[in-house]
PDB file of N, CA and C in Angstrom:
ATOM      1  N   MET A   1       0.825  -1.191   0.000  1.00  0.00           N
ATOM      2  CA  MET A   1       0.000   0.000   0.000  1.00  0.00           C
ATOM      3  C   MET A   1       0.866   1.250   0.000  1.00  0.00           C
ATOM      4  N   ALA A   2       1.681   1.370  -0.997  1.00  0.00           N
ATOM      5  CA  ALA A   2       2.576   2.514  -1.091  1.00  0.00           C
ATOM      6  C   ALA A   2       1.923   3.647  -1.871  1.00  0.00           C
ATOM      7  N   ILE A   3       2.026   4.855  -1.343  1.00  0.00           N
ATOM      8  CA  ILE A   3       1.567   6.044  -2.040  1.00  0.00           C
ATOM      9  C   ILE A   3       2.801   6.768  -2.547  1.00  0.00           C
ATOM     10  N   THR A   4       2.813   7.043  -3.834  1.00  0.00           N
ATOM     11  CA  THR A   4       3.954   7.707  -4.451  1.00  0.00           C
ATOM     12  C   THR A   4       3.498   8.968  -5.168  1.00  0.00           C
ATOM     13  N   GLU A   5       4.445   9.846  -5.386  1.00  0.00           N
ATOM     14  CA  GLU A   5       4.179  11.075  -6.132  1.00  0.00           C
ATOM     15  C   GLU A   5       5.212  11.179  -7.236  1.00  0.00           C
ATOM     16  N   ARG A   6       4.753  11.582  -8.403  1.00  0.00           N
ATOM     17  CA  ARG A   6       5.680  11.867  -9.494  1.00  0.00           C
ATOM     18  C   ARG A   6       5.233  13.146 -10.174  1.00  0.00           C
ATOM     19  N   THR A   7       6.169  13.814 -10.768  1.00  0.00           N
ATOM     20  CA  THR A   7       5.900  15.099 -11.409  1.00  0.00           C
ATOM     21  C   THR A   7       6.292  15.010 -12.878  1.00  0.00           C
ATOM     22  N   ILE A   8       5.408  15.516 -13.738  1.00  0.00           N
ATOM     23  CA  ILE A   8       5.690  15.566 -15.177  1.00  0.00           C
ATOM     24  C   ILE A   8       5.326  16.946 -15.707  1.00  0.00           C
ATOM     25  N   ILE A   9       5.903  17.295 -16.848  1.00  0.00           N
ATOM     26  CA  ILE A   9       5.477  18.503 -17.546  1.00  0.00           C
ATOM     27  C   ILE A   9       4.286  18.090 -18.395  1.00  0.00           C
ATOM     28  N   GLY A  10       3.097  18.555 -17.995  1.00  0.00           N
ATOM     29  CA  GLY A  10       1.867  18.140 -18.662  1.00  0.00           C
ATOM     30  C   GLY A  10       1.616  18.829 -19.982  1.00  0.00           C
ATOM     31  N   SER A  11       2.029  20.099 -20.078  1.00  0.00           N
ATOM     32  CA  SER A  11       1.860  20.799 -21.347  1.00  0.00           C
ATOM     33  C   SER A  11       2.778  22.002 -21.413  1.00  0.00           C
ATOM     34  N   ARG A  12       3.073  22.390 -22.646  1.00  0.00           N
ATOM     35  CA  ARG A  12       3.867  23.572 -22.940  1.00  0.00           C
ATOM     36  C   ARG A  12       3.178  24.255 -24.102  1.00  0.00           C
ATOM     37  N   GLU A  13       2.960  25.543 -23.967  1.00  0.00           N
ATOM     38  CA  GLU A  13       2.277  26.291 -25.029  1.00  0.00           C
ATOM     39  C   GLU A  13       3.031  27.591 -25.273  1.00  0.00           C
ATOM     40  N   VAL A  14       3.328  27.890 -26.540  1.00  0.00           N
ATOM     41  CA  VAL A  14       4.022  29.123 -26.896  1.00  0.00           C
ATOM     42  C   VAL A  14       2.983  30.143 -27.355  1.00  0.00           C
ATOM     43  N   LEU A  15       3.008  31.306 -26.723  1.00  0.00           N
ATOM     44  CA  LEU A  15       2.105  32.393 -27.087  1.00  0.00           C
ATOM     45  C   LEU A  15       2.724  33.234 -28.204  1.00  0.00           C
ATOM     46  N   PRO A  16       1.924  34.033 -28.906  1.00  0.00           N
ATOM     47  CA  PRO A  16       2.458  34.822 -30.020  1.00  0.00           C
ATOM     48  C   PRO A  16       3.602  35.762 -29.627  1.00  0.00           C
ATOM     49  N   ASP A  17       3.621  36.246 -28.374  1.00  0.00           N
ATOM     50  CA  ASP A  17       4.696  37.155 -27.961  1.00  0.00           C
ATOM     51  C   ASP A  17       5.940  36.410 -27.468  1.00  0.00           C
ATOM     52  N   GLY A  18       5.935  35.079 -27.579  1.00  0.00           N
ATOM     53  CA  GLY A  18       7.092  34.286 -27.207  1.00  0.00           C
ATOM     54  C   GLY A  18       7.052  33.688 -25.815  1.00  0.00           C
ATOM     55  N   GLN A  19       6.100  34.095 -24.995  1.00  0.00           N
ATOM     56  CA  GLN A  19       6.000  33.499 -23.664  1.00  0.00           C
ATOM     57  C   GLN A  19       5.638  32.016 -23.784  1.00  0.00           C
ATOM     58  N   ILE A  20       6.198  31.236 -22.873  1.00  0.00           N
ATOM     59  CA  ILE A  20       5.917  29.800 -22.849  1.00  0.00           C
ATOM     60  C   ILE A  20       5.142  29.507 -21.578  1.00  0.00           C
ATOM     61  N   GLN A  21       3.917  29.010 -21.741  1.00  0.00           N
ATOM     62  CA  GLN A  21       3.120  28.603 -20.586  1.00  0.00           C
ATOM     63  C   GLN A  21       3.435  27.137 -20.298  1.00  0.00           C
ATOM     64  N   VAL A  22       3.781  26.853 -19.050  1.00  0.00           N
ATOM     65  CA  VAL A  22       4.182  25.507 -18.653  1.00  0.00           C
ATOM     66  C   VAL A  22       3.222  25.001 -17.579  1.00  0.00           C
ATOM     67  N   ARG A  23       2.671  23.803 -17.792  1.00  0.00           N
ATOM     68  CA  ARG A  23       1.833  23.168 -16.765  1.00  0.00           C
ATOM     69  C   ARG A  23       2.575  21.951 -16.223  1.00  0.00           C
ATOM     70  N   THR A  24       2.790  21.954 -14.908  1.00  0.00           N
ATOM     71  CA  THR A  24       3.433  20.836 -14.227  1.00  0.00           C
ATOM     72  C   THR A  24       2.353  20.036 -13.510  1.00  0.00           C
ATOM     73  N   ASP A  25       2.312  18.740 -13.741  1.00  0.00           N
ATOM     74  CA  ASP A  25       1.336  17.851 -13.112  1.00  0.00           C
ATOM     75  C   ASP A  25       2.006  17.084 -11.975  1.00  0.00           C
ATOM     76  N   SER A  26       1.409  17.116 -10.801  1.00  0.00           N
ATOM     77  CA  SER A  26       1.834  16.266  -9.690  1.00  0.00           C
ATOM     78  C   SER A  26       0.840  15.125  -9.611  1.00  0.00           C
ATOM     79  N   ILE A  27       1.336  13.919  -9.791  1.00  0.00           N
ATOM     80  CA  ILE A  27       0.480  12.737  -9.851  1.00  0.00           C
ATOM     81  C   ILE A  27       0.726  11.890  -8.608  1.00  0.00           C
ATOM     82  N   TYR A  28      -0.349  11.591  -7.904  1.00  0.00           N
ATOM     83  CA  TYR A  28      -0.267  10.767  -6.701  1.00  0.00           C
ATOM     84  C   TYR A  28      -0.870   9.408  -7.018  1.00  0.00           C
ATOM     85  N   GLU A  29      -0.120   8.361  -6.679  1.00  0.00           N
ATOM     86  CA  GLU A  29      -0.559   7.001  -6.997  1.00  0.00           C
ATOM     87  C   GLU A  29      -0.509   6.119  -5.753  1.00  0.00           C
ATOM     88  N   LYS A  30      -1.464   5.210  -5.708  1.00  0.00           N
ATOM     89  CA  LYS A  30      -1.488   4.202  -4.651  1.00  0.00           C
ATOM     90  C   LYS A  30      -1.348   2.857  -5.332  1.00  0.00           C
ATOM     91  N   ASP A  31      -0.273   2.177  -5.030  1.00  0.00           N
ATOM     92  CA  ASP A  31       0.016   0.880  -5.645  1.00  0.00           C
ATOM     93  C   ASP A  31      -0.012   0.961  -7.172  1.00  0.00           C
ATOM     94  N   GLY A  32       0.537   2.077  -7.707  1.00  0.00           N
ATOM     95  CA  GLY A  32       0.641   2.229  -9.155  1.00  0.00           C
ATOM     96  C   GLY A  32      -0.607   2.736  -9.845  1.00  0.00           C
ATOM     97  N   ILE A  33      -1.692   3.009  -9.098  1.00  0.00           N
ATOM     98  CA  ILE A  33      -2.941   3.502  -9.688  1.00  0.00           C
ATOM     99  C   ILE A  33      -3.129   4.953  -9.265  1.00  0.00           C
ATOM    100  N   GLU A  34      -3.350   5.813 -10.247  1.00  0.00           N
ATOM    101  CA  GLU A  34      -3.523   7.237  -9.964  1.00  0.00           C
ATOM    102  C   GLU A  34      -4.754   7.470  -9.092  1.00  0.00           C
ATOM    103  N   ILE A  35      -4.542   8.197  -7.993  1.00  0.00           N
ATOM    104  CA  ILE A  35      -5.660   8.524  -7.105  1.00  0.00           C
ATOM    105  C   ILE A  35      -5.923  10.027  -7.048  1.00  0.00           C
ATOM    106  N   SER A  36      -4.947  10.827  -7.502  1.00  0.00           N
ATOM    107  CA  SER A  36      -5.112  12.274  -7.468  1.00  0.00           C
ATOM    108  C   SER A  36      -4.101  12.918  -8.407  1.00  0.00           C
ATOM    109  N   ARG A  37      -4.465  14.097  -8.894  1.00  0.00           N
ATOM    110  CA  ARG A  37      -3.570  14.866  -9.753  1.00  0.00           C
ATOM    111  C   ARG A  37      -3.821  16.341  -9.470  1.00  0.00           C
ATOM    112  N   SER A  38      -2.739  17.100  -9.350  1.00  0.00           N
ATOM    113  CA  SER A  38      -2.868  18.545  -9.179  1.00  0.00           C
ATOM    114  C   SER A  38      -1.957  19.235 -10.184  1.00  0.00           C
ATOM    115  N   TYR A  39      -2.245  20.496 -10.446  1.00  0.00           N
ATOM    116  CA  TYR A  39      -1.549  21.232 -11.491  1.00  0.00           C
ATOM    117  C   TYR A  39      -0.948  22.513 -10.944  1.00  0.00           C
ATOM    118  N   HIS A  40       0.184  22.885 -11.525  1.00  0.00           N
ATOM    119  CA  HIS A  40       0.802  24.173 -11.250  1.00  0.00           C
ATOM    120  C   HIS A  40       1.188  24.758 -12.606  1.00  0.00           C
ATOM    121  N   ARG A  41       0.917  26.035 -12.788  1.00  0.00           N
ATOM    122  CA  ARG A  41       1.261  26.686 -14.054  1.00  0.00           C
ATOM    123  C   ARG A  41       2.217  27.842 -13.786  1.00  0.00           C
ATOM    124  N   HIS A  42       3.125  28.039 -14.725  1.00  0.00           N
ATOM    125  CA  HIS A  42       3.969  29.221 -14.685  1.00  0.00           C
ATOM    126  C   HIS A  42       4.320  29.607 -16.114  1.00  0.00           C
ATOM    127  N   VAL A  43       4.828  30.830 -16.262  1.00  0.00           N
ATOM    128  CA  VAL A  43       5.141  31.373 -17.576  1.00  0.00           C
ATOM    129  C   VAL A  43       6.633  31.688 -17.640  1.00  0.00           C
ATOM    130  N   VAL A  44       7.234  31.341 -18.758  1.00  0.00           N
ATOM    131  CA  VAL A  44       8.632  31.680 -19.036  1.00  0.00           C
ATOM    132  C   VAL A  44       8.605  32.731 -20.146  1.00  0.00           C
ATOM    133  N   SER A  45       9.066  33.923 -19.823  1.00  0.00           N
ATOM    134  CA  SER A  45       9.055  35.025 -20.788  1.00  0.00           C
ATOM    135  C   SER A  45      10.380  35.109 -21.532  1.00  0.00           C
ATOM    136  N   PRO A  46      10.361  35.683 -22.741  1.00  0.00           N
ATOM    137  CA  PRO A  46      11.617  35.875 -23.467  1.00  0.00           C
ATOM    138  C   PRO A  46      12.600  36.674 -22.615  1.00  0.00           C
ATOM    139  N   GLY A  47      13.812  36.158 -22.488  1.00  0.00           N
ATOM    140  CA  GLY A  47      14.831  36.816 -21.684  1.00  0.00           C
ATOM    141  C   GLY A  47      14.952  36.281 -20.269  1.00  0.00           C
ATOM    142  N   ASP A  48      14.007  35.453 -19.826  1.00  0.00           N
ATOM    143  CA  ASP A  48      14.077  34.878 -18.480  1.00  0.00           C
ATOM    144  C   ASP A  48      15.236  33.897 -18.357  1.00  0.00           C
ATOM    145  N   ASP A  49      15.710  33.716 -17.124  1.00  0.00           N
ATOM    146  CA  ASP A  49      16.735  32.714 -16.828  1.00  0.00           C
ATOM    147  C   ASP A  49      16.102  31.328 -16.960  1.00  0.00           C
ATOM    148  N   LEU A  50      16.754  30.442 -17.677  1.00  0.00           N
ATOM    149  CA  LEU A  50      16.203  29.114 -17.954  1.00  0.00           C
ATOM    150  C   LEU A  50      16.845  28.008 -17.132  1.00  0.00           C
ATOM    151  N   ASP A  51      17.762  28.349 -16.238  1.00  0.00           N
ATOM    152  CA  ASP A  51      18.518  27.337 -15.500  1.00  0.00           C
ATOM    153  C   ASP A  51      17.648  26.342 -14.744  1.00  0.00           C
ATOM    154  N   ARG A  52      16.530  26.770 -14.205  1.00  0.00           N
ATOM    155  CA  ARG A  52      15.686  25.881 -13.397  1.00  0.00           C
ATOM    156  C   ARG A  52      14.558  25.225 -14.182  1.00  0.00           C
ATOM    157  N   GLU A  53      14.530  25.488 -15.469  1.00  0.00           N
ATOM    158  CA  GLU A  53      13.449  24.939 -16.296  1.00  0.00           C
ATOM    159  C   GLU A  53      13.788  23.522 -16.757  1.00  0.00           C
ATOM    160  N   ASP A  54      12.746  22.759 -17.029  1.00  0.00           N
ATOM    161  CA  ASP A  54      12.877  21.425 -17.592  1.00  0.00           C
ATOM    162  C   ASP A  54      13.568  21.521 -18.952  1.00  0.00           C
ATOM    163  N   GLU A  55      14.305  20.501 -19.325  1.00  0.00           N
ATOM    164  CA  GLU A  55      15.023  20.505 -20.597  1.00  0.00           C
ATOM    165  C   GLU A  55      14.083  20.716 -21.781  1.00  0.00           C
ATOM    166  N   SER A  56      12.879  20.187 -21.719  1.00  0.00           N
ATOM    167  CA  SER A  56      11.934  20.370 -22.834  1.00  0.00           C
ATOM    168  C   SER A  56      11.550  21.841 -22.988  1.00  0.00           C
ATOM    169  N   VAL A  57      11.448  22.561 -21.906  1.00  0.00           N
ATOM    170  CA  VAL A  57      11.139  23.995 -21.951  1.00  0.00           C
ATOM    171  C   VAL A  57      12.348  24.767 -22.477  1.00  0.00           C
ATOM    172  N   ARG A  58      13.540  24.391 -22.044  1.00  0.00           N
ATOM    173  CA  ARG A  58      14.757  25.056 -22.535  1.00  0.00           C
ATOM    174  C   ARG A  58      14.927  24.875 -24.038  1.00  0.00           C
ATOM    175  N   ARG A  59      14.587  23.684 -24.548  1.00  0.00           N
ATOM    176  CA  ARG A  59      14.682  23.449 -26.005  1.00  0.00           C
ATOM    177  C   ARG A  59      13.744  24.383 -26.758  1.00  0.00           C
ATOM    178  N   ILE A  60      12.525  24.530 -26.269  1.00  0.00           N
ATOM    179  CA  ILE A  60      11.564  25.433 -26.919  1.00  0.00           C
ATOM    180  C   ILE A  60      12.075  26.867 -26.858  1.00  0.00           C
ATOM    181  N   ALA A  61      12.578  27.276 -25.704  1.00  0.00           N
ATOM    182  CA  ALA A  61      13.063  28.649 -25.537  1.00  0.00           C
ATOM    183  C   ALA A  61      14.239  28.945 -26.458  1.00  0.00           C
ATOM    184  N   ARG A  62      15.121  27.973 -26.661  1.00  0.00           N
ATOM    185  CA  ARG A  62      16.269  28.199 -27.551  1.00  0.00           C
ATOM    186  C   ARG A  62      15.811  28.525 -28.978  1.00  0.00           C
ATOM    187  N   VAL A  63      14.684  27.972 -29.385  1.00  0.00           N
ATOM    188  CA  VAL A  63      14.159  28.237 -30.725  1.00  0.00           C
ATOM    189  C   VAL A  63      13.326  29.516 -30.742  1.00  0.00           C
ATOM    190  N   GLU A  64      12.455  29.676 -29.765  1.00  0.00           N
ATOM    191  CA  GLU A  64      11.497  30.781 -29.755  1.00  0.00           C
ATOM    192  C   GLU A  64      12.075  32.106 -29.260  1.00  0.00           C
ATOM    193  N   HIS A  65      12.979  32.066 -28.304  1.00  0.00           N
ATOM    194  CA  HIS A  65      13.475  33.295 -27.684  1.00  0.00           C
ATOM    195  C   HIS A  65      14.710  33.819 -28.420  1.00  0.00           C
ATOM    196  N   THR A  66      14.467  34.269 -29.629  1.00  0.00           N
ATOM    197  CA  THR A  66      15.537  34.865 -30.429  1.00  0.00           C
ATOM    198  C   THR A  66      15.857  36.252 -29.872  1.00  0.00           C
ATOM    199  N   PRO A  67      17.016  36.803 -30.206  1.00  0.00           N
ATOM    200  CA  PRO A  67      17.324  38.166 -29.755  1.00  0.00           C
ATOM    201  C   PRO A  67      16.253  39.178 -30.169  1.00  0.00           C
ATOM    202  N   ALA A  68      15.723  39.036 -31.374  1.00  0.00           N
ATOM    203  CA  ALA A  68      14.670  39.957 -31.825  1.00  0.00           C
ATOM    204  C   ALA A  68      13.400  39.796 -30.989  1.00  0.00           C
ATOM    205  N   LYS A  69      13.025  38.552 -30.667  1.00  0.00           N
ATOM    206  CA  LYS A  69      11.824  38.298 -29.870  1.00  0.00           C
ATOM    207  C   LYS A  69      11.995  38.847 -28.447  1.00  0.00           C
ATOM    208  N   ILE A  70      13.203  38.686 -27.883  1.00  0.00           N
ATOM    209  CA  ILE A  70      13.477  39.194 -26.539  1.00  0.00           C
ATOM    210  C   ILE A  70      13.371  40.721 -26.530  1.00  0.00           C
ATOM    211  N   ALA A  71      13.964  41.375 -27.519  1.00  0.00           N
ATOM    212  CA  ALA A  71      13.911  42.842 -27.593  1.00  0.00           C
ATOM    213  C   ALA A  71      12.474  43.333 -27.755  1.00  0.00           C
ATOM    214  N   ALA A  72      11.711  42.685 -28.623  1.00  0.00           N
ATOM    215  CA  ALA A  72      10.314  43.084 -28.837  1.00  0.00           C
ATOM    216  C   ALA A  72       9.482  42.884 -27.571  1.00  0.00           C
ATOM    217  N   PHE A  73       9.726  41.798 -26.863  1.00  0.00           N
ATOM    218  CA  PHE A  73       8.981  41.529 -25.632  1.00  0.00           C
ATOM    219  C   PHE A  73       9.303  42.580 -24.581  1.00  0.00           C
ATOM    220  N   LYS A  74      10.584  42.902 -24.400  1.00  0.00           N
ATOM    221  CA  LYS A  74      10.984  43.923 -23.423  1.00  0.00           C
ATOM    222  C   LYS A  74      10.386  45.278 -23.780  1.00  0.00           C
ATOM    223  N   LEU A  75      10.393  45.622 -25.041  1.00  0.00           N
ATOM    224  CA  LEU A  75       9.821  46.893 -25.487  1.00  0.00           C
ATOM    225  C   LEU A  75       8.325  46.943 -25.202  1.00  0.00           C
ATOM    226  N   SER A  76       7.616  45.865 -25.458  1.00  0.00           N
ATOM    227  CA  SER A  76       6.162  45.849 -25.208  1.00  0.00           C
ATOM    228  C   SER A  76       5.877  45.990 -23.719  1.00  0.00           C
ATOM    229  N   ARG A  77       6.692  45.414 -22.854  1.00  0.00           N
ATOM    230  CA  ARG A  77       6.512  45.529 -21.402  1.00  0.00           C
ATOM    231  C   ARG A  77       6.793  46.947 -20.923  1.00  0.00           C
ATOM    232  N   GLU A  78       7.814  47.587 -21.506  1.00  0.00           N
ATOM    233  CA  GLU A  78       8.130  48.956 -21.144  1.00  0.00           C
ATOM    234  C   GLU A  78       6.993  49.913 -21.515  1.00  0.00           C
ATOM    235  N   LYS A  79       6.360  49.662 -22.656  1.00  0.00           N
ATOM    236  CA  LYS A  79       5.236  50.491 -23.093  1.00  0.00           C
ATOM    237  C   LYS A  79       4.025  50.349 -22.187  1.00  0.00           C
ATOM    238  N   GLN A  80       3.886  49.181 -21.536  1.00  0.00           N
ATOM    239  CA  GLN A  80       2.750  48.955 -20.655  1.00  0.00           C
ATOM    240  C   GLN A  80       2.875  49.672 -19.317  1.00  0.00           C
ATOM    241  N   THR A  81       4.100  50.012 -18.934  1.00  0.00           N
ATOM    242  CA  THR A  81       4.286  50.677 -17.625  1.00  0.00           C
ATOM    243  C   THR A  81       4.383  52.161 -17.729  1.00  0.00           C
TER     244      THR A  81
END
């Protein structure tokens, strides 16, 4: 009767401005059968530090977060404030 927890990246979505929405799933299992699941979401913006991100998110960021995309994102944020 062991209860275990495992974490997976449930989804990754790239928005038009380059932000990456990441959903992390925490899965709780009893004897190998899922009994509960919870979700946590966070956003990775162009220019953010990627050191703590999952490798799959870093791969997407390397393609999507070009210098031009980072500059455009920073400029749009500056205009909002």
